[in-house]
Amino acid sequence: MSESTTPAAAPAVARPSAAGADDEHAVAVVRMRRSSLGALFLLVIQAILGMCAALYGPLPHADKGKGLLASFGDSVTKGPASVAMHAGFGMLLFIGACLVVVFGLTVRYTAVRIASVLGWLCIAGAAVAGAASVNAGGAKADSLTMAVLTFVAMACYGVNLYVLGEKR
Protein backbone atom coordinates (compact mmCIF):
# COMPACT_ATOMS: atom_id res chain seq x y z
CA MET A 1 0.00 0.00 0.00
CA SER A 2 1.26 3.37 -0.89
CA GLU A 3 0.84 6.47 1.08
CA SER A 4 -1.67 8.97 -0.12
CA THR A 5 -0.27 11.93 -1.99
CA THR A 6 -3.04 14.25 -0.94
CA PRO A 7 -1.94 16.97 1.43
CA ALA A 8 -2.99 16.61 5.01
CA ALA A 9 -5.75 18.93 6.14
CA ALA A 10 -4.62 21.95 8.10
CA PRO A 11 -5.30 21.72 11.81
CA ALA A 12 -8.44 23.52 12.84
CA VAL A 13 -7.80 26.87 14.49
CA ALA A 14 -9.64 27.27 17.75
CA ARG A 15 -11.99 30.19 17.36
CA PRO A 16 -14.24 31.41 20.10
CA SER A 17 -17.80 30.58 19.34
CA ALA A 18 -20.49 33.19 19.64
CA ALA A 19 -21.86 31.37 22.66
CA GLY A 20 -18.43 31.32 24.32
CA ALA A 21 -17.92 35.03 23.73
CA ASP A 22 -21.36 35.78 25.14
CA ASP A 23 -20.58 33.69 28.22
CA GLU A 24 -17.33 35.57 28.76
CA HIS A 25 -19.14 38.88 28.40
CA ALA A 26 -21.81 37.80 30.87
CA VAL A 27 -19.08 36.95 33.39
CA ALA A 28 -17.43 40.34 32.76
CA VAL A 29 -20.76 42.13 33.29
CA VAL A 30 -21.35 40.34 36.60
CA ARG A 31 -17.81 41.13 37.76
CA MET A 32 -18.22 44.77 36.73
CA ARG A 33 -21.57 45.11 38.50
CA ARG A 34 -20.12 43.67 41.71
CA SER A 35 -17.05 45.89 41.49
CA SER A 36 -19.12 49.00 40.86
CA LEU A 37 -21.45 48.19 43.74
CA GLY A 38 -18.47 47.56 46.00
CA ALA A 39 -16.89 50.87 44.98
CA LEU A 40 -20.17 52.64 45.65
CA PHE A 41 -20.40 51.19 49.17
CA LEU A 42 -16.76 52.02 49.85
CA LEU A 43 -17.35 55.60 48.73
CA VAL A 44 -20.24 55.90 51.17
CA ILE A 45 -17.97 54.70 53.99
CA GLN A 46 -15.23 57.07 52.82
CA ALA A 47 -17.67 60.00 52.82
CA ILE A 48 -18.69 59.18 56.40
CA LEU A 49 -15.03 58.93 57.44
CA GLY A 50 -14.40 62.26 55.72
CA MET A 51 -17.21 63.94 57.65
CA CYS A 52 -15.81 62.56 60.91
CA ALA A 53 -12.32 63.75 59.97
CA ALA A 54 -13.59 67.22 59.08
CA LEU A 55 -15.59 67.56 62.30
CA TYR A 56 -13.40 65.79 64.83
CA GLY A 57 -9.89 65.59 63.36
CA PRO A 58 -7.97 68.81 63.90
CA LEU A 59 -4.93 68.98 61.66
CA PRO A 60 -1.61 69.78 63.32
CA HIS A 61 -0.17 73.13 62.22
CA ALA A 62 3.22 71.42 61.79
CA ASP A 63 1.91 69.70 58.64
CA LYS A 64 1.20 73.01 56.91
CA GLY A 65 3.36 73.78 53.87
CA LYS A 66 5.25 70.47 53.63
CA GLY A 67 3.99 69.52 50.15
CA LEU A 68 1.29 67.16 48.96
CA LEU A 69 3.05 63.81 49.38
CA ALA A 70 4.56 64.71 52.73
CA SER A 71 1.18 65.98 53.90
CA PHE A 72 -0.48 62.73 52.87
CA GLY A 73 2.20 60.66 54.59
CA ASP A 74 1.96 62.71 57.77
CA SER A 75 -1.82 62.46 57.81
CA VAL A 76 -1.58 58.67 57.70
CA THR A 77 1.27 58.29 60.18
CA LYS A 78 0.99 61.30 62.50
CA GLY A 79 -2.51 62.63 62.07
CA PRO A 80 -5.45 62.18 64.38
CA ALA A 81 -7.09 58.75 64.12
CA SER A 82 -10.05 60.01 62.07
CA VAL A 83 -7.78 61.70 59.52
CA ALA A 84 -5.45 58.70 59.36
CA MET A 85 -8.37 56.31 58.79
CA HIS A 86 -9.82 58.59 56.12
CA ALA A 87 -6.50 58.90 54.26
CA GLY A 88 -5.62 55.21 54.53
CA PHE A 89 -9.06 54.07 53.45
CA GLY A 90 -8.89 56.56 50.57
CA MET A 91 -5.72 54.90 49.31
CA LEU A 92 -7.44 51.50 49.34
CA LEU A 93 -10.39 53.05 47.54
CA PHE A 94 -8.06 54.46 44.87
CA ILE A 95 -6.60 50.99 44.25
CA GLY A 96 -10.11 49.54 44.04
CA ALA A 97 -11.09 52.21 41.52
CA CYS A 98 -8.08 51.21 39.41
CA LEU A 99 -9.43 47.66 39.36
CA VAL A 100 -12.87 48.90 38.32
CA VAL A 101 -11.24 50.68 35.36
CA VAL A 102 -9.46 47.46 34.35
CA PHE A 103 -12.67 45.45 34.71
CA GLY A 104 -14.50 48.14 32.74
CA LEU A 105 -12.27 47.41 29.76
CA THR A 106 -13.68 43.87 29.61
CA VAL A 107 -17.28 44.89 28.96
CA ARG A 108 -18.68 46.07 25.65
CA TYR A 109 -20.33 49.27 26.81
CA THR A 110 -18.61 52.59 26.19
CA ALA A 111 -20.69 54.32 28.86
CA VAL A 112 -19.34 51.91 31.48
CA ARG A 113 -15.77 52.50 30.37
CA ILE A 114 -16.19 56.28 30.49
CA ALA A 115 -17.97 56.22 33.86
CA SER A 116 -15.31 53.94 35.35
CA VAL A 117 -12.45 56.19 34.24
CA LEU A 118 -14.32 59.31 35.37
CA GLY A 119 -15.00 57.72 38.78
CA TRP A 120 -11.32 56.85 39.12
CA LEU A 121 -10.28 60.39 38.16
CA CYS A 122 -12.71 61.84 40.71
CA ILE A 123 -11.24 59.64 43.44
CA ALA A 124 -7.72 60.70 42.41
CA GLY A 125 -8.82 64.34 42.43
CA ALA A 126 -10.36 63.94 45.87
CA ALA A 127 -7.08 62.45 47.13
CA VAL A 128 -5.12 65.43 45.77
CA ALA A 129 -7.64 67.83 47.32
CA GLY A 130 -7.27 66.03 50.64
CA ALA A 131 -3.50 66.29 50.57
CA ALA A 132 -3.84 69.95 49.59
CA SER A 133 -6.17 70.50 52.53
CA VAL A 134 -3.64 69.04 54.96
CA ASN A 135 -0.89 71.03 53.26
CA ALA A 136 -2.90 74.26 53.57
CA GLY A 137 -3.82 73.60 57.19
CA GLY A 138 -7.43 72.51 56.63
CA ALA A 139 -8.78 74.72 53.85
CA LYS A 140 -12.56 74.43 53.61
CA ALA A 141 -12.54 74.75 49.81
CA ASP A 142 -10.46 71.57 49.61
CA SER A 143 -12.95 69.74 51.83
CA LEU A 144 -15.76 70.84 49.55
CA THR A 145 -13.79 69.68 46.53
CA MET A 146 -13.26 66.27 48.14
CA ALA A 147 -16.96 65.94 48.90
CA VAL A 148 -18.11 66.99 45.43
CA LEU A 149 -15.66 64.66 43.70
CA THR A 150 -16.73 61.81 45.98
CA PHE A 151 -20.38 62.34 45.06
CA VAL A 152 -19.54 62.51 41.35
CA ALA A 153 -17.63 59.22 41.69
CA MET A 154 -20.68 57.71 43.40
CA ALA A 155 -22.81 58.83 40.47
CA CYS A 156 -20.34 57.25 38.02
CA TYR A 157 -20.60 53.88 39.72
CA GLY A 158 -24.37 54.28 39.83
CA VAL A 159 -24.31 54.80 36.05
CA ASN A 160 -22.35 51.56 35.72
CA LEU A 161 -24.98 49.70 37.72
CA TYR A 162 -27.78 51.21 35.66
CA VAL A 163 -26.20 50.50 32.27
CA LEU A 164 -25.12 46.99 33.16
CA GLY A 165 -28.48 46.22 34.77
CA GLU A 166 -30.59 47.09 31.76
CA LYS A 167 -28.48 45.31 29.15
CA ARG A 168 -28.79 41.77 30.44
C-alpha atoms as a PDB file:
ATOM      1  CA  MET A   1       0.000   0.000   0.000  1.00  0.00           C
ATOM      2  CA  SER A   2       1.256   3.366  -0.890  1.00  0.00           C
ATOM      3  CA  GLU A   3       0.842   6.470   1.078  1.00  0.00           C
ATOM      4  CA  SER A   4      -1.672   8.966  -0.123  1.00  0.00           C
ATOM      5  CA  THR A   5      -0.269  11.931  -1.989  1.00  0.00           C
ATOM      6  CA  THR A   6      -3.039  14.246  -0.943  1.00  0.00           C
ATOM      7  CA  PRO A   7      -1.945  16.966   1.430  1.00  0.00           C
ATOM      8  CA  ALA A   8      -2.989  16.614   5.013  1.00  0.00           C
ATOM      9  CA  ALA A   9      -5.749  18.929   6.143  1.00  0.00           C
ATOM     10  CA  ALA A  10      -4.616  21.945   8.099  1.00  0.00           C
ATOM     11  CA  PRO A  11      -5.303  21.721  11.806  1.00  0.00           C
ATOM     12  CA  ALA A  12      -8.436  23.521  12.844  1.00  0.00           C
ATOM     13  CA  VAL A  13      -7.803  26.871  14.495  1.00  0.00           C
ATOM     14  CA  ALA A  14      -9.642  27.268  17.750  1.00  0.00           C
ATOM     15  CA  ARG A  15     -11.991  30.194  17.361  1.00  0.00           C
ATOM     16  CA  PRO A  16     -14.244  31.412  20.103  1.00  0.00           C
ATOM     17  CA  SER A  17     -17.799  30.581  19.340  1.00  0.00           C
ATOM     18  CA  ALA A  18     -20.487  33.191  19.640  1.00  0.00           C
ATOM     19  CA  ALA A  19     -21.864  31.375  22.662  1.00  0.00           C
ATOM     20  CA  GLY A  20     -18.430  31.318  24.325  1.00  0.00           C
ATOM     21  CA  ALA A  21     -17.921  35.031  23.730  1.00  0.00           C
ATOM     22  CA  ASP A  22     -21.364  35.777  25.137  1.00  0.00           C
ATOM     23  CA  ASP A  23     -20.582  33.686  28.220  1.00  0.00           C
ATOM     24  CA  GLU A  24     -17.334  35.573  28.763  1.00  0.00           C
ATOM     25  CA  HIS A  25     -19.137  38.879  28.398  1.00  0.00           C
ATOM     26  CA  ALA A  26     -21.805  37.797  30.866  1.00  0.00           C
ATOM     27  CA  VAL A  27     -19.082  36.951  33.394  1.00  0.00           C
ATOM     28  CA  ALA A  28     -17.434  40.340  32.762  1.00  0.00           C
ATOM     29  CA  VAL A  29     -20.761  42.126  33.294  1.00  0.00           C
ATOM     30  CA  VAL A  30     -21.353  40.343  36.598  1.00  0.00           C
ATOM     31  CA  ARG A  31     -17.806  41.130  37.757  1.00  0.00           C
ATOM     32  CA  MET A  32     -18.217  44.772  36.731  1.00  0.00           C
ATOM     33  CA  ARG A  33     -21.569  45.114  38.497  1.00  0.00           C
ATOM     34  CA  ARG A  34     -20.120  43.672  41.707  1.00  0.00           C
ATOM     35  CA  SER A  35     -17.047  45.885  41.486  1.00  0.00           C
ATOM     36  CA  SER A  36     -19.123  49.003  40.864  1.00  0.00           C
ATOM     37  CA  LEU A  37     -21.453  48.191  43.742  1.00  0.00           C
ATOM     38  CA  GLY A  38     -18.473  47.565  46.001  1.00  0.00           C
ATOM     39  CA  ALA A  39     -16.887  50.866  44.977  1.00  0.00           C
ATOM     40  CA  LEU A  40     -20.166  52.642  45.646  1.00  0.00           C
ATOM     41  CA  PHE A  41     -20.399  51.189  49.170  1.00  0.00           C
ATOM     42  CA  LEU A  42     -16.757  52.015  49.854  1.00  0.00           C
ATOM     43  CA  LEU A  43     -17.351  55.599  48.727  1.00  0.00           C
ATOM     44  CA  VAL A  44     -20.235  55.901  51.173  1.00  0.00           C
ATOM     45  CA  ILE A  45     -17.969  54.695  53.991  1.00  0.00           C
ATOM     46  CA  GLN A  46     -15.232  57.070  52.820  1.00  0.00           C
ATOM     47  CA  ALA A  47     -17.666  60.005  52.822  1.00  0.00           C
ATOM     48  CA  ILE A  48     -18.688  59.177  56.398  1.00  0.00           C
ATOM     49  CA  LEU A  49     -15.033  58.932  57.436  1.00  0.00           C
ATOM     50  CA  GLY A  50     -14.404  62.263  55.721  1.00  0.00           C
ATOM     51  CA  MET A  51     -17.210  63.937  57.648  1.00  0.00           C
ATOM     52  CA  CYS A  52     -15.805  62.564  60.910  1.00  0.00           C
ATOM     53  CA  ALA A  53     -12.317  63.748  59.974  1.00  0.00           C
ATOM     54  CA  ALA A  54     -13.591  67.215  59.082  1.00  0.00           C
ATOM     55  CA  LEU A  55     -15.590  67.557  62.297  1.00  0.00           C
ATOM     56  CA  TYR A  56     -13.399  65.790  64.834  1.00  0.00           C
ATOM     57  CA  GLY A  57      -9.889  65.587  63.362  1.00  0.00           C
ATOM     58  CA  PRO A  58      -7.965  68.808  63.899  1.00  0.00           C
ATOM     59  CA  LEU A  59      -4.931  68.976  61.658  1.00  0.00           C
ATOM     60  CA  PRO A  60      -1.612  69.783  63.321  1.00  0.00           C
ATOM     61  CA  HIS A  61      -0.170  73.131  62.221  1.00  0.00           C
ATOM     62  CA  ALA A  62       3.221  71.425  61.788  1.00  0.00           C
ATOM     63  CA  ASP A  63       1.907  69.704  58.636  1.00  0.00           C
ATOM     64  CA  LYS A  64       1.199  73.005  56.906  1.00  0.00           C
ATOM     65  CA  GLY A  65       3.360  73.783  53.866  1.00  0.00           C
ATOM     66  CA  LYS A  66       5.248  70.465  53.625  1.00  0.00           C
ATOM     67  CA  GLY A  67       3.991  69.524  50.151  1.00  0.00           C
ATOM     68  CA  LEU A  68       1.286  67.160  48.962  1.00  0.00           C
ATOM     69  CA  LEU A  69       3.053  63.810  49.377  1.00  0.00           C
ATOM     70  CA  ALA A  70       4.558  64.711  52.732  1.00  0.00           C
ATOM     71  CA  SER A  71       1.178  65.980  53.900  1.00  0.00           C
ATOM     72  CA  PHE A  72      -0.481  62.731  52.869  1.00  0.00           C
ATOM     73  CA  GLY A  73       2.199  60.662  54.586  1.00  0.00           C
ATOM     74  CA  ASP A  74       1.960  62.709  57.768  1.00  0.00           C
ATOM     75  CA  SER A  75      -1.821  62.462  57.806  1.00  0.00           C
ATOM     76  CA  VAL A  76      -1.584  58.667  57.704  1.00  0.00           C
ATOM     77  CA  THR A  77       1.270  58.290  60.185  1.00  0.00           C
ATOM     78  CA  LYS A  78       0.995  61.301  62.501  1.00  0.00           C
ATOM     79  CA  GLY A  79      -2.510  62.630  62.068  1.00  0.00           C
ATOM     80  CA  PRO A  80      -5.452  62.175  64.375  1.00  0.00           C
ATOM     81  CA  ALA A  81      -7.089  58.748  64.117  1.00  0.00           C
ATOM     82  CA  SER A  82     -10.053  60.006  62.075  1.00  0.00           C
ATOM     83  CA  VAL A  83      -7.782  61.703  59.523  1.00  0.00           C
ATOM     84  CA  ALA A  84      -5.449  58.695  59.361  1.00  0.00           C
ATOM     85  CA  MET A  85      -8.366  56.314  58.786  1.00  0.00           C
ATOM     86  CA  HIS A  86      -9.823  58.592  56.120  1.00  0.00           C
ATOM     87  CA  ALA A  87      -6.503  58.903  54.265  1.00  0.00           C
ATOM     88  CA  GLY A  88      -5.616  55.209  54.528  1.00  0.00           C
ATOM     89  CA  PHE A  89      -9.055  54.074  53.447  1.00  0.00           C
ATOM     90  CA  GLY A  90      -8.890  56.561  50.573  1.00  0.00           C
ATOM     91  CA  MET A  91      -5.724  54.901  49.312  1.00  0.00           C
ATOM     92  CA  LEU A  92      -7.436  51.505  49.341  1.00  0.00           C
ATOM     93  CA  LEU A  93     -10.390  53.049  47.538  1.00  0.00           C
ATOM     94  CA  PHE A  94      -8.060  54.459  44.873  1.00  0.00           C
ATOM     95  CA  ILE A  95      -6.600  50.994  44.254  1.00  0.00           C
ATOM     96  CA  GLY A  96     -10.112  49.539  44.045  1.00  0.00           C
ATOM     97  CA  ALA A  97     -11.087  52.209  41.524  1.00  0.00           C
ATOM     98  CA  CYS A  98      -8.076  51.212  39.405  1.00  0.00           C
ATOM     99  CA  LEU A  99      -9.426  47.660  39.356  1.00  0.00           C
ATOM    100  CA  VAL A 100     -12.870  48.904  38.317  1.00  0.00           C
ATOM    101  CA  VAL A 101     -11.240  50.682  35.358  1.00  0.00           C
ATOM    102  CA  VAL A 102      -9.460  47.459  34.350  1.00  0.00           C
ATOM    103  CA  PHE A 103     -12.669  45.447  34.710  1.00  0.00           C
ATOM    104  CA  GLY A 104     -14.498  48.139  32.739  1.00  0.00           C
ATOM    105  CA  LEU A 105     -12.275  47.412  29.760  1.00  0.00           C
ATOM    106  CA  THR A 106     -13.676  43.870  29.615  1.00  0.00           C
ATOM    107  CA  VAL A 107     -17.277  44.889  28.959  1.00  0.00           C
ATOM    108  CA  ARG A 108     -18.676  46.069  25.649  1.00  0.00           C
ATOM    109  CA  TYR A 109     -20.326  49.271  26.811  1.00  0.00           C
ATOM    110  CA  THR A 110     -18.612  52.590  26.195  1.00  0.00           C
ATOM    111  CA  ALA A 111     -20.695  54.317  28.859  1.00  0.00           C
ATOM    112  CA  VAL A 112     -19.337  51.907  31.484  1.00  0.00           C
ATOM    113  CA  ARG A 113     -15.769  52.503  30.372  1.00  0.00           C
ATOM    114  CA  ILE A 114     -16.193  56.279  30.490  1.00  0.00           C
ATOM    115  CA  ALA A 115     -17.975  56.225  33.858  1.00  0.00           C
ATOM    116  CA  SER A 116     -15.307  53.939  35.346  1.00  0.00           C
ATOM    117  CA  VAL A 117     -12.452  56.192  34.239  1.00  0.00           C
ATOM    118  CA  LEU A 118     -14.317  59.312  35.367  1.00  0.00           C
ATOM    119  CA  GLY A 119     -14.998  57.723  38.775  1.00  0.00           C
ATOM    120  CA  TRP A 120     -11.321  56.855  39.123  1.00  0.00           C
ATOM    121  CA  LEU A 121     -10.283  60.393  38.155  1.00  0.00           C
ATOM    122  CA  CYS A 122     -12.709  61.836  40.714  1.00  0.00           C
ATOM    123  CA  ILE A 123     -11.242  59.639  43.436  1.00  0.00           C
ATOM    124  CA  ALA A 124      -7.722  60.697  42.415  1.00  0.00           C
ATOM    125  CA  GLY A 125      -8.820  64.341  42.435  1.00  0.00           C
ATOM    126  CA  ALA A 126     -10.359  63.944  45.873  1.00  0.00           C
ATOM    127  CA  ALA A 127      -7.079  62.453  47.132  1.00  0.00           C
ATOM    128  CA  VAL A 128      -5.123  65.428  45.771  1.00  0.00           C
ATOM    129  CA  ALA A 129      -7.637  67.830  47.322  1.00  0.00           C
ATOM    130  CA  GLY A 130      -7.275  66.034  50.644  1.00  0.00           C
ATOM    131  CA  ALA A 131      -3.503  66.289  50.570  1.00  0.00           C
ATOM    132  CA  ALA A 132      -3.838  69.945  49.593  1.00  0.00           C
ATOM    133  CA  SER A 133      -6.172  70.496  52.527  1.00  0.00           C
ATOM    134  CA  VAL A 134      -3.636  69.039  54.958  1.00  0.00           C
ATOM    135  CA  ASN A 135      -0.888  71.028  53.260  1.00  0.00           C
ATOM    136  CA  ALA A 136      -2.900  74.258  53.574  1.00  0.00           C
ATOM    137  CA  GLY A 137      -3.824  73.598  57.190  1.00  0.00           C
ATOM    138  CA  GLY A 138      -7.425  72.511  56.633  1.00  0.00           C
ATOM    139  CA  ALA A 139      -8.778  74.722  53.846  1.00  0.00           C
ATOM    140  CA  LYS A 140     -12.559  74.426  53.615  1.00  0.00           C
ATOM    141  CA  ALA A 141     -12.542  74.752  49.809  1.00  0.00           C
ATOM    142  CA  ASP A 142     -10.459  71.572  49.610  1.00  0.00           C
ATOM    143  CA  SER A 143     -12.946  69.739  51.834  1.00  0.00           C
ATOM    144  CA  LEU A 144     -15.765  70.843  49.552  1.00  0.00           C
ATOM    145  CA  THR A 145     -13.788  69.678  46.527  1.00  0.00           C
ATOM    146  CA  MET A 146     -13.259  66.272  48.135  1.00  0.00           C
ATOM    147  CA  ALA A 147     -16.960  65.942  48.899  1.00  0.00           C
ATOM    148  CA  VAL A 148     -18.114  66.991  45.426  1.00  0.00           C
ATOM    149  CA  LEU A 149     -15.659  64.655  43.699  1.00  0.00           C
ATOM    150  CA  THR A 150     -16.729  61.808  45.983  1.00  0.00           C
ATOM    151  CA  PHE A 151     -20.379  62.338  45.060  1.00  0.00           C
ATOM    152  CA  VAL A 152     -19.542  62.505  41.349  1.00  0.00           C
ATOM    153  CA  ALA A 153     -17.626  59.223  41.693  1.00  0.00           C
ATOM    154  CA  MET A 154     -20.681  57.710  43.404  1.00  0.00           C
ATOM    155  CA  ALA A 155     -22.811  58.832  40.471  1.00  0.00           C
ATOM    156  CA  CYS A 156     -20.345  57.247  38.023  1.00  0.00           C
ATOM    157  CA  TYR A 157     -20.598  53.876  39.717  1.00  0.00           C
ATOM    158  CA  GLY A 158     -24.371  54.282  39.831  1.00  0.00           C
ATOM    159  CA  VAL A 159     -24.306  54.801  36.052  1.00  0.00           C
ATOM    160  CA  ASN A 160     -22.350  51.559  35.723  1.00  0.00           C
ATOM    161  CA  LEU A 161     -24.977  49.705  37.719  1.00  0.00           C
ATOM    162  CA  TYR A 162     -27.778  51.214  35.661  1.00  0.00           C
ATOM    163  CA  VAL A 163     -26.202  50.504  32.271  1.00  0.00           C
ATOM    164  CA  LEU A 164     -25.121  46.992  33.160  1.00  0.00           C
ATOM    165  CA  GLY A 165     -28.481  46.223  34.767  1.00  0.00           C
ATOM    166  CA  GLU A 166     -30.589  47.093  31.760  1.00  0.00           C
ATOM    167  CA  LYS A 167     -28.475  45.313  29.153  1.00  0.00           C
ATOM    168  CA  ARG A 168     -28.795  41.770  30.439  1.00  0.00           C
END
